Structure formats: structure tokens, C-alpha cells
Amino acid sequence: MNEFIAIIGPNGSGKSTLIKNLSNIIKPDKGSIYLDYKNLNDLSAQELAKKLSVVPQNTNVDFDFTVYDLIMMGRNPYQNRWGKITDNDREVVIEAMKLTDTFQFKDRRLMNLSGGEKQRVIIARALAQEPEVLLLDEPTSSLDINYQGEIFDLLSYLNNKKNITIIIVSHDLNLASQYCNKLLLLNNGEIYSIGNPDEVLTKKNIKDVYNAEVSIKENMISGRPYVVLIPNKHKFDKKNKADINLHLICGGGSAQNIINKLYNLNINITAGVLNQGDSDWQLLKSYGYEVAEVEPFAYIEEEDLNYNSKLIEKANIILVADLPFGYGNVNNLKQLLNYEDKEIYLYAKRSIEDRDYTNGKAKSIWFRLIKRDNVSAFQEIDNLIEEVKSKYNL
């Protein structure tokens, strides 16, 4: 099977150096590189060019050739010393132009092409070599998103339909994940991880290699992972707000917007009790927050509430989202009756009657809470957030 491999890693990790080793531009300090069981050092430049072609990072061309003439240069390994062009050369070049959708401007000058068009021409020149392996060093780094998609679609087609092995250096983890069947993650000149996108693109790997906090989600269309950077807005915040702790009662996606707004406050956040897999649970875990949790669809037991209670004890504020209450989670609300000394904020965009699926039990607890001096209710989340900011000087 011909692979579509992306070499990924931070700046200085050795990605471009590896490509140069694979193309025999530079020699490895130790070890050997084989292609079709032959050592690259035993192949002449002409022999290697018939098996392997390279699309370099810098695609600038010093002379303003026509598109056709530049692509024809890819036939050099097959021509005699006089450079005579054969009918087969012409057929291969035309096929390369059709594959890359560059035939339409074959007579145009390179200087008159857009970045995406020029990149396709450079790939067409590489294809004119009729390679078994195509190496590309960041071919989409300076392109708009539409051209990035075009290039990766083309490479995927060449891999699947033309049986060309594709090895590409990419800074775009998500493009690499969606198109490539294997990723090679480099760090400090060494292979840190290699495998399919699910195996390589993990929170731990990204943290270890890129020193970045990310959330790994699943692309709903492709089923492959995609990386979401968690903004570190507080990295340069000189004021330490770590002594403010907020505990969140939520579930069923009721706190998606709230969680993002709370993150911006730079305070400690905990939550519970939540079922694993719940959308609020997923978002909280992606931020790295501590959550009292139970298995999917499980009822909340006494031991779960005890753990949740330990989190609540540390909190300055308890915030209850606009969530529905059923018999599975109503004890989260009931537990708050034990805390008359805690600041409790109830977010109630909808009435409790519209969210009570416990035959009135949740409603009864709600109104007992709302009568207390330590409890405040808000219909707008922005007003609630402003109250927290004002009260704690955030």
C-alpha cells in the first residue's frame, strides 16, 4: 500500500532536514536510507530522479519560464545529453498538467500566476518525473485555505488513484490529520511518535512536543481527530487570581457558553456530578478542569455526592446552570441545601417548571434555595458573570 505520510513537529524539530536526507540532498550522520531495497548512495542522480521527486519549500524560480517549459524540465532524467524532447515526454507533461489542473494556463508566464496556481505547476513538474515517491516540504504554508484544500485534495488523489507514495512536511496538524493515513511526529531531531492520526494526535503528545494545551475532538465528517488550541490568555496576567474557586452544577450542554466565559476570568473551576460523555463534561475536561463524574447514564450515588461535596467545600461560588433536572441528577441540586455559607448563583433563563422532570421535587428544592440570603438568581448569563467579576474584583 502506498502511504500518505505527514511529517509534523515544532520549528527546529528536524522536519526539513529529514526531507533533505530522504531526497539525498544531505547525507545522514549515521545509518542508511533505502528505496526499493537500494541504498540512496548507490543510485545516480538520474536514477533517483526517476523514482523520487521533490517539491521544495521555496518554489521561487529565477527565470520567468512558461508553465509548459517549466513542467517539461521534470523530464530531464529521461532525456539524452542533448535534451531532445520525445513524444512520450510531451504526453507525460500533458498528463501531469491535466492531473494538476494547470493545462489551462500552459502558455502563461510563471510571474503571472497566483500562489496556488504556481504551487500546482511545481507539483506538475515533480509529477513529470513519473516518481514512485513524492516529497513535499510545506507546500501549503503560504497559501489561502481554498488553495490549501486544493493541494491536499490533489495529493490525496495522486496517492489513491496514481499509487504515488506521498511524504509531506506540514505545520497544519488538522490538514495532516484529515488527509494523511500516517503521521510522524518529530521532536529535537528524533521520532517522538508514529502511527495513524488517532495514535499520534493526543493531548499528551501535543503537550510534550509543542508545550501547548489542546483539546482533541472528532471531525464529524471524517471521523478523524482535529486539534483545538486552548487559549492561554492568562499566561502574561501578572495578577494571581488562583484563590477564587467556582463550582459548576451543569449538564446536557447547558453550560457550554458559561464555561468559555468562566475560563476568561482566570479562576479555578470544578464541576459535578456529571455523566462521562456529557457535552458539558467533554468541554470541562478539555480545559483540564476537575469534575466529579459517573459512568454514562448512571444515577448519582452517595459516594459520588461525597466527592462532589469535597469540591464544593473549596469553592467561593457555586453556579447552577440552566439545566433540566431529572431523577438522575436532582441530588446535585438537593446537595446545595447543605451550604448556607456559600455564595450560590442560579442561572434561570427558563423557569424551573419548564426544567423539572421530577414531579415537582426539583421545583421544591429550587424555591427553598431561592429564599435564602446567600442565593441569587439571574436570567442573563452576562449579568451573572459581571456580578462575579465585580464582587471578586476580577
Protein backbone atom coordinates (compact mmCIF):
# COMPACT_ATOMS: atom_id res chain seq x y z
CA MET A 1 0.00 0.00 0.00
CA ASN A 2 1.29 3.46 -0.91
CA GLU A 3 1.36 5.68 2.13
CA PHE A 4 0.32 9.30 2.56
CA ILE A 5 2.58 10.41 5.41
CA ALA A 6 2.85 13.79 7.10
CA ILE A 7 5.98 14.76 8.99
CA ILE A 8 4.94 17.10 11.80
CA GLY A 9 6.67 18.78 14.71
CA PRO A 10 7.61 22.22 16.05
CA ASN A 11 10.13 24.55 14.43
CA GLY A 12 13.63 23.16 14.68
CA SER A 13 12.49 19.58 15.24
CA GLY A 14 14.20 18.34 12.06
CA LYS A 15 11.34 18.10 9.55
CA SER A 16 13.07 19.78 6.61
CA THR A 17 16.34 18.06 7.47
CA LEU A 18 14.62 14.69 7.27
CA ILE A 19 13.18 15.56 3.84
CA LYS A 20 16.66 16.55 2.65
CA ASN A 21 18.03 13.24 3.92
CA LEU A 22 15.26 11.30 2.19
CA SER A 23 15.98 13.09 -1.09
CA ASN A 24 19.75 12.57 -0.73
CA ILE A 25 20.44 16.31 -0.72
CA ILE A 26 22.37 15.79 2.51
CA LYS A 27 23.80 12.59 3.92
CA PRO A 28 22.70 11.20 7.29
CA ASP A 29 25.26 11.39 10.09
CA LYS A 30 24.78 7.68 10.63
CA GLY A 31 22.70 4.89 9.19
CA SER A 32 21.47 4.44 5.64
CA ILE A 33 18.34 5.21 3.64
CA TYR A 34 16.93 2.64 1.24
CA LEU A 35 14.46 2.98 -1.60
CA ASP A 36 13.23 -0.25 -3.20
CA TYR A 37 15.90 -2.09 -1.23
CA LYS A 38 18.63 0.09 -2.76
CA ASN A 39 20.83 2.44 -0.77
CA LEU A 40 20.30 6.01 -1.96
CA ASN A 41 24.07 6.46 -2.07
CA ASP A 42 24.28 3.69 -4.69
CA LEU A 43 21.84 5.45 -7.02
CA SER A 44 22.93 8.06 -9.54
CA ALA A 45 21.14 11.40 -9.52
CA GLN A 46 19.34 10.37 -12.70
CA GLU A 47 18.24 7.03 -11.27
CA LEU A 48 16.99 8.66 -8.07
CA ALA A 49 15.10 11.36 -10.00
CA LYS A 50 13.13 8.66 -11.83
CA LYS A 51 11.97 7.19 -8.54
CA LEU A 52 11.65 10.22 -6.28
CA SER A 53 10.73 13.85 -6.88
CA VAL A 54 10.78 16.82 -4.53
CA VAL A 55 8.62 19.92 -4.14
CA PRO A 56 10.84 22.27 -2.11
CA GLN A 57 9.71 24.79 0.47
CA ASN A 58 10.96 27.67 -1.67
CA THR A 59 9.24 27.47 -5.05
CA ASN A 60 10.67 30.70 -6.47
CA VAL A 61 12.04 30.31 -9.99
CA ASP A 62 14.74 32.73 -11.13
CA PHE A 63 13.67 32.86 -14.77
CA ASP A 64 10.16 33.67 -15.97
CA PHE A 65 9.50 30.41 -17.84
CA THR A 66 6.20 29.46 -19.36
CA VAL A 67 4.24 26.88 -17.41
CA TYR A 68 4.77 24.28 -20.13
CA ASP A 69 8.53 24.79 -20.27
CA LEU A 70 8.94 24.55 -16.50
CA ILE A 71 6.93 21.33 -16.27
CA MET A 72 8.91 19.86 -19.18
CA MET A 73 12.04 20.25 -17.03
CA GLY A 74 10.70 17.35 -14.99
CA ARG A 75 11.52 15.12 -17.97
CA ASN A 76 15.27 15.81 -17.71
CA PRO A 77 16.07 12.42 -16.11
CA TYR A 78 14.64 10.68 -19.18
CA GLN A 79 16.32 12.78 -21.87
CA ASN A 80 19.67 12.23 -23.50
CA ARG A 81 22.59 14.58 -23.12
CA TRP A 82 21.24 16.80 -25.89
CA GLY A 83 17.88 17.22 -24.12
CA LYS A 84 15.80 16.07 -27.07
CA ILE A 85 12.09 16.06 -26.27
CA THR A 86 10.20 12.95 -27.34
CA ASP A 87 6.53 12.34 -27.98
CA ASN A 88 6.42 10.39 -24.72
CA ASP A 89 7.82 13.41 -22.87
CA ARG A 90 5.04 15.57 -24.27
CA GLU A 91 2.38 13.01 -23.32
CA VAL A 92 3.69 12.76 -19.75
CA VAL A 93 3.80 16.55 -19.36
CA ILE A 94 0.27 16.97 -20.69
CA GLU A 95 -0.94 14.26 -18.30
CA ALA A 96 0.82 16.00 -15.39
CA MET A 97 -0.84 19.30 -16.33
CA LYS A 98 -4.25 17.67 -16.54
CA LEU A 99 -3.79 16.00 -13.17
CA THR A 100 -2.86 19.30 -11.55
CA ASP A 101 -5.39 21.40 -13.48
CA THR A 102 -2.62 23.53 -14.99
CA PHE A 103 -3.17 22.74 -18.66
CA GLN A 104 -5.45 25.76 -18.96
CA PHE A 105 -2.56 28.16 -18.43
CA LYS A 106 0.27 26.16 -20.04
CA ASP A 107 1.37 29.14 -22.13
CA ARG A 108 1.29 31.68 -19.33
CA ARG A 109 4.38 33.00 -17.58
CA LEU A 110 5.10 31.96 -14.00
CA MET A 111 5.17 35.56 -12.82
CA ASN A 112 1.52 35.92 -13.84
CA LEU A 113 0.28 33.06 -11.64
CA SER A 114 -1.22 33.19 -8.18
CA GLY A 115 0.46 31.38 -5.29
CA GLY A 116 -1.88 28.41 -5.52
CA GLU A 117 -1.51 28.15 -9.29
CA LYS A 118 2.27 28.30 -9.08
CA GLN A 119 2.30 25.59 -6.42
CA ARG A 120 0.29 23.28 -8.68
CA VAL A 121 2.76 23.95 -11.50
CA ILE A 122 5.69 22.98 -9.27
CA ILE A 123 3.86 19.77 -8.31
CA ALA A 124 3.18 19.11 -12.01
CA ARG A 125 6.91 19.42 -12.72
CA ALA A 126 7.58 16.86 -9.98
CA LEU A 127 4.93 14.53 -11.45
CA ALA A 128 6.55 14.80 -14.87
CA GLN A 129 9.41 12.78 -13.37
CA GLU A 130 6.92 9.88 -13.02
CA PRO A 131 8.05 9.25 -9.44
CA GLU A 132 7.14 6.43 -7.12
CA VAL A 133 7.61 8.79 -4.16
CA LEU A 134 6.72 12.48 -3.95
CA LEU A 135 8.34 14.56 -1.19
CA LEU A 136 6.88 17.97 -0.35
CA ASP A 137 8.27 20.48 2.14
CA GLU A 138 5.39 22.60 3.49
CA PRO A 139 3.66 23.08 0.12
CA THR A 140 0.69 24.98 1.60
CA SER A 141 2.45 27.21 4.13
CA SER A 142 1.84 30.48 2.27
CA LEU A 143 -1.50 29.63 0.66
CA ASP A 144 -5.05 30.65 1.48
CA ILE A 145 -7.34 27.98 2.86
CA ASN A 146 -9.01 27.29 -0.50
CA TYR A 147 -5.65 26.59 -2.15
CA GLN A 148 -4.55 24.50 0.83
CA GLY A 149 -7.57 22.28 0.30
CA GLU A 150 -6.87 22.05 -3.44
CA ILE A 151 -3.28 20.93 -2.87
CA PHE A 152 -4.22 18.30 -0.28
CA ASP A 153 -7.09 17.05 -2.46
CA LEU A 154 -4.65 16.69 -5.34
CA LEU A 155 -2.11 14.84 -3.20
CA SER A 156 -4.81 12.52 -1.89
CA TYR A 157 -5.88 11.76 -5.47
CA LEU A 158 -2.29 11.05 -6.53
CA ASN A 159 -1.88 8.72 -3.58
CA ASN A 160 -5.15 6.83 -4.01
CA LYS A 161 -5.54 6.75 -7.79
CA LYS A 162 -1.98 7.00 -9.11
CA ASN A 163 -0.35 4.88 -6.40
CA ILE A 164 2.26 7.50 -5.55
CA THR A 165 3.66 7.48 -2.04
CA ILE A 166 3.32 10.99 -0.59
CA ILE A 167 5.59 12.27 2.19
CA ILE A 168 4.79 15.82 3.20
CA VAL A 169 6.14 18.21 5.82
CA SER A 170 3.26 20.15 7.34
CA HIS A 171 2.76 22.64 10.15
CA ASP A 172 -1.00 22.22 9.89
CA LEU A 173 -1.89 19.37 12.22
CA ASN A 174 -5.54 19.35 11.21
CA LEU A 175 -4.93 19.18 7.46
CA ALA A 176 -2.42 16.42 8.07
CA SER A 177 -4.90 14.53 10.23
CA GLN A 178 -7.75 14.76 7.72
CA TYR A 179 -5.78 13.68 4.66
CA CYS A 180 -2.85 11.51 5.76
CA ASN A 181 -3.07 7.89 6.84
CA LYS A 182 0.10 8.12 8.90
CA LEU A 183 1.75 10.87 10.94
CA LEU A 184 5.37 11.07 12.04
CA LEU A 185 5.88 13.43 14.96
CA LEU A 186 9.42 14.74 15.41
CA ASN A 187 10.95 16.36 18.46
CA ASN A 188 14.56 17.51 18.78
CA GLY A 189 15.62 15.56 15.71
CA GLU A 190 14.10 12.27 16.85
CA ILE A 191 10.89 10.40 16.16
CA TYR A 192 8.62 11.02 19.13
CA SER A 193 5.56 9.20 17.80
CA ILE A 194 4.50 7.48 14.59
CA GLY A 195 1.16 5.96 13.67
CA ASN A 196 -2.30 6.85 12.46
CA PRO A 197 -3.72 10.28 13.39
CA ASP A 198 -5.62 8.90 16.40
CA GLU A 199 -2.42 7.44 17.82
CA VAL A 200 -0.22 10.49 17.26
CA LEU A 201 -2.52 13.46 17.86
CA THR A 202 -3.10 13.08 21.59
CA LYS A 203 -3.23 15.78 24.25
CA LYS A 204 -0.14 14.32 25.90
CA ASN A 205 1.91 14.23 22.70
CA ILE A 206 0.99 17.80 21.78
CA LYS A 207 1.73 18.98 25.30
CA ASP A 208 5.08 17.18 25.43
CA VAL A 209 6.30 18.24 21.99
CA TYR A 210 4.68 21.63 21.38
CA ASN A 211 4.23 22.66 25.03
CA ALA A 212 0.65 23.63 24.18
CA GLU A 213 -2.65 22.87 25.86
CA VAL A 214 -5.12 21.50 23.34
CA SER A 215 -8.41 19.71 23.10
CA ILE A 216 -8.65 16.76 20.70
CA LYS A 217 -12.05 16.43 19.08
CA GLU A 218 -13.51 14.23 16.36
CA ASN A 219 -14.31 15.64 12.95
CA MET A 220 -17.98 14.79 12.47
CA ILE A 221 -17.50 14.34 8.71
CA SER A 222 -14.26 12.35 8.50
CA GLY A 223 -14.25 10.77 11.96
CA ARG A 224 -10.62 11.81 12.33
CA PRO A 225 -9.17 13.85 15.19
CA TYR A 226 -8.71 17.56 14.98
CA VAL A 227 -6.75 19.75 17.35
CA VAL A 228 -8.25 22.77 19.08
CA LEU A 229 -5.81 25.09 20.81
CA ILE A 230 -6.92 26.14 24.28
CA PRO A 231 -6.08 29.84 24.56
CA ASN A 232 -3.64 30.62 27.34
CA LYS A 233 -4.96 34.12 27.85
CA HIS A 234 -3.63 34.29 31.40
CA LYS A 235 -0.01 33.41 30.66
CA PHE A 236 1.05 37.04 30.95
CA ASP A 237 -1.52 38.03 33.57
CA LYS A 238 0.50 39.38 36.49
CA LYS A 239 -2.39 39.28 38.93
CA ASN A 240 -2.80 35.91 40.61
CA LYS A 241 -6.45 35.00 40.95
CA ALA A 242 -5.89 31.39 41.95
CA ASP A 243 -7.62 31.92 45.31
CA ILE A 244 -11.04 32.23 43.61
CA ASN A 245 -12.78 28.89 43.21
CA LEU A 246 -16.09 28.30 41.45
CA HIS A 247 -18.05 25.05 41.40
CA LEU A 248 -20.42 24.49 38.49
CA ILE A 249 -23.61 22.43 38.50
CA CYS A 250 -24.48 21.73 34.88
CA GLY A 251 -25.16 19.05 32.28
CA GLY A 252 -26.69 18.35 28.90
CA GLY A 253 -24.85 21.20 27.20
CA SER A 254 -26.42 23.80 29.48
CA ALA A 255 -23.06 25.35 30.36
CA GLN A 256 -21.18 25.45 27.05
CA ASN A 257 -21.25 29.23 26.82
CA ILE A 258 -20.82 29.64 30.57
CA ILE A 259 -17.67 27.51 30.69
CA ASN A 260 -15.99 29.57 27.98
CA LYS A 261 -16.88 32.82 29.75
CA LEU A 262 -15.66 31.50 33.10
CA TYR A 263 -12.36 30.44 31.57
CA ASN A 264 -11.70 34.05 30.64
CA LEU A 265 -11.97 35.05 34.32
CA ASN A 266 -8.81 33.12 35.21
CA ILE A 267 -10.29 31.40 38.26
CA ASN A 268 -10.23 27.82 39.46
CA ILE A 269 -13.22 25.84 38.24
CA THR A 270 -14.62 22.49 39.29
CA ALA A 271 -17.89 20.80 38.38
CA GLY A 272 -20.12 17.85 39.17
CA VAL A 273 -21.66 15.48 39.33
CA LEU A 274 -21.70 14.78 35.57
CA ASN A 275 -22.07 11.69 33.43
CA GLN A 276 -18.98 10.84 31.40
CA GLY A 277 -19.50 11.75 27.76
CA ASP A 278 -21.94 14.56 28.54
CA SER A 279 -21.18 17.57 26.30
CA ASP A 280 -20.51 19.80 29.33
CA TRP A 281 -18.27 17.08 30.76
CA GLN A 282 -16.31 16.95 27.50
CA LEU A 283 -15.74 20.70 27.42
CA LEU A 284 -14.73 20.87 31.08
CA LYS A 285 -12.28 18.00 30.64
CA SER A 286 -10.82 19.61 27.51
CA TYR A 287 -9.94 22.64 29.64
CA GLY A 288 -8.41 20.36 32.23
CA TYR A 289 -10.92 21.14 34.99
CA GLU A 290 -11.59 18.70 37.82
CA VAL A 291 -15.01 17.06 37.52
CA ALA A 292 -16.93 14.74 39.85
CA GLU A 293 -18.17 12.16 37.37
CA VAL A 294 -20.13 8.94 36.98
CA GLU A 295 -20.44 6.47 34.12
CA PRO A 296 -22.76 7.31 31.21
CA PHE A 297 -26.48 7.05 32.08
CA ALA A 298 -25.67 6.07 35.68
CA TYR A 299 -27.56 7.57 38.61
CA ILE A 300 -25.65 9.71 41.08
CA GLU A 301 -24.85 7.68 44.18
CA GLU A 302 -23.91 8.79 47.70
CA GLU A 303 -20.18 8.28 47.13
CA ASP A 304 -20.37 10.49 44.03
CA LEU A 305 -22.05 13.23 46.04
CA ASN A 306 -19.40 12.90 48.73
CA TYR A 307 -16.66 13.55 46.19
CA ASN A 308 -18.66 16.43 44.75
CA SER A 309 -19.02 17.81 48.28
CA LYS A 310 -15.24 17.93 48.65
CA LEU A 311 -15.05 20.09 45.53
CA ILE A 312 -17.85 22.34 46.75
CA GLU A 313 -16.10 22.84 50.10
CA LYS A 314 -13.19 24.51 48.30
CA ALA A 315 -15.44 26.84 46.30
CA ASN A 316 -16.14 30.51 46.96
CA ILE A 317 -19.00 30.42 44.47
CA ILE A 318 -21.48 27.77 43.35
CA LEU A 319 -23.07 28.38 39.96
CA VAL A 320 -26.08 26.37 38.82
CA ALA A 321 -26.60 26.40 35.05
CA ASP A 322 -29.94 26.46 33.25
CA LEU A 323 -30.09 22.68 33.12
CA PRO A 324 -33.05 20.29 33.22
CA PHE A 325 -33.44 18.16 36.36
CA GLY A 326 -34.46 14.54 36.33
CA TYR A 327 -34.27 11.78 38.91
CA GLY A 328 -30.73 11.04 37.75
CA ASN A 329 -29.28 14.43 38.68
CA VAL A 330 -31.71 16.17 41.04
CA ASN A 331 -29.48 15.30 44.01
CA ASN A 332 -26.92 17.76 42.62
CA LEU A 333 -29.45 20.47 43.36
CA LYS A 334 -30.57 18.97 46.65
CA GLN A 335 -26.98 18.87 47.89
CA LEU A 336 -26.82 22.67 47.78
CA LEU A 337 -29.29 22.87 50.67
CA ASN A 338 -26.33 21.94 52.89
CA TYR A 339 -24.44 25.15 52.05
CA GLU A 340 -25.88 28.26 53.65
CA ASP A 341 -22.44 29.87 53.90
CA LYS A 342 -21.61 29.64 50.18
CA GLU A 343 -22.41 32.21 47.52
CA ILE A 344 -24.85 30.44 45.18
CA TYR A 345 -25.82 31.84 41.77
CA LEU A 346 -28.78 30.31 39.97
CA TYR A 347 -28.86 30.89 36.22
CA ALA A 348 -32.50 30.60 35.18
CA LYS A 349 -33.10 31.61 31.60
CA ARG A 350 -36.07 29.24 31.66
CA SER A 351 -38.43 28.73 34.55
CA ILE A 352 -37.78 25.82 36.87
CA GLU A 353 -41.20 24.43 35.94
CA ASP A 354 -40.01 24.02 32.35
CA ARG A 355 -36.91 22.15 33.52
CA ASP A 356 -38.36 19.96 36.27
CA TYR A 357 -38.84 16.31 35.28
CA THR A 358 -39.08 15.02 38.85
CA ASN A 359 -42.77 15.56 39.50
CA GLY A 360 -42.10 18.78 41.42
CA LYS A 361 -39.12 17.67 43.52
CA ALA A 362 -36.62 19.93 41.74
CA LYS A 363 -39.07 22.84 41.85
CA SER A 364 -39.48 22.45 45.61
CA ILE A 365 -35.72 22.44 46.20
CA TRP A 366 -35.26 25.40 43.86
CA PHE A 367 -37.71 27.61 45.74
CA ARG A 368 -36.23 26.62 49.10
CA LEU A 369 -32.85 27.75 47.82
CA ILE A 370 -34.02 30.98 46.27
CA LYS A 371 -35.46 32.21 49.58
CA ARG A 372 -32.03 32.19 51.19
CA ASP A 373 -29.88 35.29 51.55
CA ASN A 374 -26.83 33.58 50.07
CA VAL A 375 -28.63 32.70 46.83
CA SER A 376 -29.10 35.00 43.81
CA ALA A 377 -30.95 34.27 40.57
CA PHE A 378 -30.09 35.61 37.13
CA GLN A 379 -31.92 35.39 33.82
CA GLU A 380 -28.97 36.66 31.75
CA ILE A 381 -25.61 34.94 31.94
CA ASP A 382 -23.72 38.15 31.16
CA ASN A 383 -25.26 39.80 34.23
CA LEU A 384 -24.20 36.83 36.33
CA ILE A 385 -20.64 36.98 35.02
CA GLU A 386 -20.47 40.73 35.68
CA GLU A 387 -21.63 40.13 39.25
CA VAL A 388 -18.83 37.63 39.79
CA LYS A 389 -16.26 39.99 38.28
CA SER A 390 -17.45 42.91 40.38
CA LYS A 391 -17.72 41.01 43.65
CA TYR A 392 -14.27 39.44 43.38
CA ASN A 393 -12.54 42.30 41.57
CA LEU A 394 -11.75 40.21 38.50
